[in-house]
Amino acid sequence: MLYELMQKMALVDMSKLPLDITIYLKSAIWLVFSVHRLTND
């Protein structure tokens, strides 16, 4: 599930989005990924 989301986000052309939205999305993805790893350890 999480990996599918990350793959989909990687396919999004970030250059078409405003910079602040791009940074927000990337930060949100890494936050979720970090929490997911911690809870599964």
PDB file of N, CA and C in Angstrom:
ATOM      1  N   MET A   1       0.843  -1.204   0.000  1.00  0.00           N
ATOM      2  CA  MET A   1       0.000   0.000   0.000  1.00  0.00           C
ATOM      3  C   MET A   1       0.877   1.253   0.000  1.00  0.00           C
ATOM      4  N   LEU A   2       1.743   1.349   1.008  1.00  0.00           N
ATOM      5  CA  LEU A   2       2.598   2.529   1.132  1.00  0.00           C
ATOM      6  C   LEU A   2       3.559   2.627  -0.045  1.00  0.00           C
ATOM      7  N   TYR A   3       4.095   1.490  -0.447  1.00  0.00           N
ATOM      8  CA  TYR A   3       5.059   1.493  -1.543  1.00  0.00           C
ATOM      9  C   TYR A   3       4.378   1.868  -2.851  1.00  0.00           C
ATOM     10  N   GLU A   4       3.115   1.431  -3.027  1.00  0.00           N
ATOM     11  CA  GLU A   4       2.361   1.795  -4.228  1.00  0.00           C
ATOM     12  C   GLU A   4       2.143   3.299  -4.275  1.00  0.00           C
ATOM     13  N   LEU A   5       1.853   3.886  -3.118  1.00  0.00           N
ATOM     14  CA  LEU A   5       1.653   5.329  -3.044  1.00  0.00           C
ATOM     15  C   LEU A   5       2.932   6.068  -3.417  1.00  0.00           C
ATOM     16  N   MET A   6       4.044   5.590  -2.888  1.00  0.00           N
ATOM     17  CA  MET A   6       5.328   6.236  -3.169  1.00  0.00           C
ATOM     18  C   MET A   6       5.681   6.115  -4.646  1.00  0.00           C
ATOM     19  N   GLN A   7       5.356   4.969  -5.254  1.00  0.00           N
ATOM     20  CA  GLN A   7       5.623   4.781  -6.676  1.00  0.00           C
ATOM     21  C   GLN A   7       4.775   5.733  -7.497  1.00  0.00           C
ATOM     22  N   LYS A   8       3.516   5.904  -7.119  1.00  0.00           N
ATOM     23  CA  LYS A   8       2.632   6.807  -7.844  1.00  0.00           C
ATOM     24  C   LYS A   8       3.142   8.247  -7.729  1.00  0.00           C
ATOM     25  N   MET A   9       3.585   8.623  -6.523  1.00  0.00           N
ATOM     26  CA  MET A   9       4.089   9.977  -6.316  1.00  0.00           C
ATOM     27  C   MET A   9       5.346  10.206  -7.138  1.00  0.00           C
ATOM     28  N   ALA A  10       6.174   9.163  -7.287  1.00  0.00           N
ATOM     29  CA  ALA A  10       7.408   9.288  -8.048  1.00  0.00           C
ATOM     30  C   ALA A  10       7.110   9.524  -9.520  1.00  0.00           C
ATOM     31  N   LEU A  11       5.940   9.070  -9.973  1.00  0.00           N
ATOM     32  CA  LEU A  11       5.569   9.227 -11.380  1.00  0.00           C
ATOM     33  C   LEU A  11       4.989  10.612 -11.663  1.00  0.00           C
ATOM     34  N   VAL A  12       4.585  11.322 -10.607  1.00  0.00           N
ATOM     35  CA  VAL A  12       4.025  12.659 -10.796  1.00  0.00           C
ATOM     36  C   VAL A  12       5.118  13.623 -11.240  1.00  0.00           C
ATOM     37  N   ASP A  13       4.821  14.427 -12.249  1.00  0.00           N
ATOM     38  CA  ASP A  13       5.794  15.409 -12.721  1.00  0.00           C
ATOM     39  C   ASP A  13       5.801  16.585 -11.752  1.00  0.00           C
ATOM     40  N   MET A  14       6.763  16.581 -10.831  1.00  0.00           N
ATOM     41  CA  MET A  14       6.825  17.600  -9.798  1.00  0.00           C
ATOM     42  C   MET A  14       7.025  19.000 -10.365  1.00  0.00           C
ATOM     43  N   SER A  15       7.609  19.111 -11.549  1.00  0.00           N
ATOM     44  CA  SER A  15       7.903  20.414 -12.128  1.00  0.00           C
ATOM     45  C   SER A  15       6.625  21.165 -12.504  1.00  0.00           C
ATOM     46  N   LYS A  16       5.501  20.435 -12.586  1.00  0.00           N
ATOM     47  CA  LYS A  16       4.241  21.077 -12.945  1.00  0.00           C
ATOM     48  C   LYS A  16       3.514  21.634 -11.723  1.00  0.00           C
ATOM     49  N   LEU A  17       4.043  21.293 -10.538  1.00  0.00           N
ATOM     50  CA  LEU A  17       3.416  21.759  -9.306  1.00  0.00           C
ATOM     51  C   LEU A  17       4.198  22.931  -8.723  1.00  0.00           C
ATOM     52  N   PRO A  18       3.505  23.822  -8.003  1.00  0.00           N
ATOM     53  CA  PRO A  18       4.211  24.895  -7.301  1.00  0.00           C
ATOM     54  C   PRO A  18       5.225  24.317  -6.335  1.00  0.00           C
ATOM     55  N   LEU A  19       6.333  25.010  -6.130  1.00  0.00           N
ATOM     56  CA  LEU A  19       7.441  24.486  -5.321  1.00  0.00           C
ATOM     57  C   LEU A  19       7.004  24.139  -3.900  1.00  0.00           C
ATOM     58  N   ASP A  20       6.177  24.995  -3.288  1.00  0.00           N
ATOM     59  CA  ASP A  20       5.775  24.739  -1.900  1.00  0.00           C
ATOM     60  C   ASP A  20       4.944  23.463  -1.792  1.00  0.00           C
ATOM     61  N   ILE A  21       4.123  23.194  -2.791  1.00  0.00           N
ATOM     62  CA  ILE A  21       3.315  21.966  -2.775  1.00  0.00           C
ATOM     63  C   ILE A  21       4.222  20.754  -2.933  1.00  0.00           C
ATOM     64  N   THR A  22       5.207  20.862  -3.799  1.00  0.00           N
ATOM     65  CA  THR A  22       6.161  19.770  -4.020  1.00  0.00           C
ATOM     66  C   THR A  22       6.888  19.434  -2.727  1.00  0.00           C
ATOM     67  N   ILE A  23       7.372  20.458  -2.036  1.00  0.00           N
ATOM     68  CA  ILE A  23       8.088  20.248  -0.777  1.00  0.00           C
ATOM     69  C   ILE A  23       7.158  19.620   0.261  1.00  0.00           C
ATOM     70  N   TYR A  24       5.923  20.096   0.316  1.00  0.00           N
ATOM     71  CA  TYR A  24       4.957  19.566   1.278  1.00  0.00           C
ATOM     72  C   TYR A  24       4.677  18.089   1.017  1.00  0.00           C
ATOM     73  N   LEU A  25       4.471  17.743  -0.250  1.00  0.00           N
ATOM     74  CA  LEU A  25       4.178  16.354  -0.605  1.00  0.00           C
ATOM     75  C   LEU A  25       5.347  15.442  -0.264  1.00  0.00           C
ATOM     76  N   LYS A  26       6.556  15.868  -0.615  1.00  0.00           N
ATOM     77  CA  LYS A  26       7.738  15.050  -0.333  1.00  0.00           C
ATOM     78  C   LYS A  26       7.927  14.877   1.173  1.00  0.00           C
ATOM     79  N   SER A  27       7.715  15.945   1.926  1.00  0.00           N
ATOM     80  CA  SER A  27       7.858  15.871   3.379  1.00  0.00           C
ATOM     81  C   SER A  27       6.819  14.932   3.975  1.00  0.00           C
ATOM     82  N   ALA A  28       5.595  15.023   3.475  1.00  0.00           N
ATOM     83  CA  ALA A  28       4.516  14.177   3.983  1.00  0.00           C
ATOM     84  C   ALA A  28       4.809  12.702   3.697  1.00  0.00           C
ATOM     85  N   ILE A  29       5.312  12.425   2.498  1.00  0.00           N
ATOM     86  CA  ILE A  29       5.635  11.041   2.120  1.00  0.00           C
ATOM     87  C   ILE A  29       6.708  10.476   3.036  1.00  0.00           C
ATOM     88  N   TRP A  30       7.773  11.260   3.258  1.00  0.00           N
ATOM     89  CA  TRP A  30       8.864  10.756   4.106  1.00  0.00           C
ATOM     90  C   TRP A  30       8.429  10.635   5.557  1.00  0.00           C
ATOM     91  N   LEU A  31       7.523  11.515   6.003  1.00  0.00           N
ATOM     92  CA  LEU A  31       7.023  11.422   7.373  1.00  0.00           C
ATOM     93  C   LEU A  31       6.247  10.122   7.564  1.00  0.00           C
ATOM     94  N   VAL A  32       5.351   9.843   6.623  1.00  0.00           N
ATOM     95  CA  VAL A  32       4.559   8.615   6.689  1.00  0.00           C
ATOM     96  C   VAL A  32       5.461   7.396   6.601  1.00  0.00           C
ATOM     97  N   PHE A  33       6.447   7.447   5.703  1.00  0.00           N
ATOM     98  CA  PHE A  33       7.371   6.331   5.526  1.00  0.00           C
ATOM     99  C   PHE A  33       8.166   6.076   6.799  1.00  0.00           C
ATOM    100  N   SER A  34       8.632   7.148   7.442  1.00  0.00           N
ATOM    101  CA  SER A  34       9.421   7.011   8.671  1.00  0.00           C
ATOM    102  C   SER A  34       8.574   6.407   9.797  1.00  0.00           C
ATOM    103  N   VAL A  35       7.361   6.900   9.951  1.00  0.00           N
ATOM    104  CA  VAL A  35       6.469   6.379  10.990  1.00  0.00           C
ATOM    105  C   VAL A  35       6.138   4.920  10.707  1.00  0.00           C
ATOM    106  N   HIS A  36       5.906   4.600   9.439  1.00  0.00           N
ATOM    107  CA  HIS A  36       5.587   3.226   9.046  1.00  0.00           C
ATOM    108  C   HIS A  36       6.735   2.293   9.404  1.00  0.00           C
ATOM    109  N   ARG A  37       7.956   2.712   9.161  1.00  0.00           N
ATOM    110  CA  ARG A  37       9.128   1.889   9.484  1.00  0.00           C
ATOM    111  C   ARG A  37       9.267   1.717  10.995  1.00  0.00           C
ATOM    112  N   LEU A  38       9.033   2.789  11.746  1.00  0.00           N
ATOM    113  CA  LEU A  38       9.184   2.713  13.201  1.00  0.00           C
ATOM    114  C   LEU A  38       8.150   1.778  13.818  1.00  0.00           C
ATOM    115  N   THR A  39       6.928   1.840  13.312  1.00  0.00           N
ATOM    116  CA  THR A  39       5.857   1.036  13.889  1.00  0.00           C
ATOM    117  C   THR A  39       5.981  -0.430  13.496  1.00  0.00           C
ATOM    118  N   ASN A  40       6.716  -0.712  12.426  1.00  0.00           N
ATOM    119  CA  ASN A  40       6.868  -2.102  11.978  1.00  0.00           C
ATOM    120  C   ASN A  40       8.159  -2.741  12.472  1.00  0.00           C
ATOM    121  N   ASP A  41       8.963  -1.995  13.200  1.00  0.00           N
ATOM    122  CA  ASP A  41      10.256  -2.534  13.639  1.00  0.00           C
ATOM    123  C   ASP A  41      10.177  -3.471  14.811  1.00  0.00           C
TER     124      ASP A  41
END
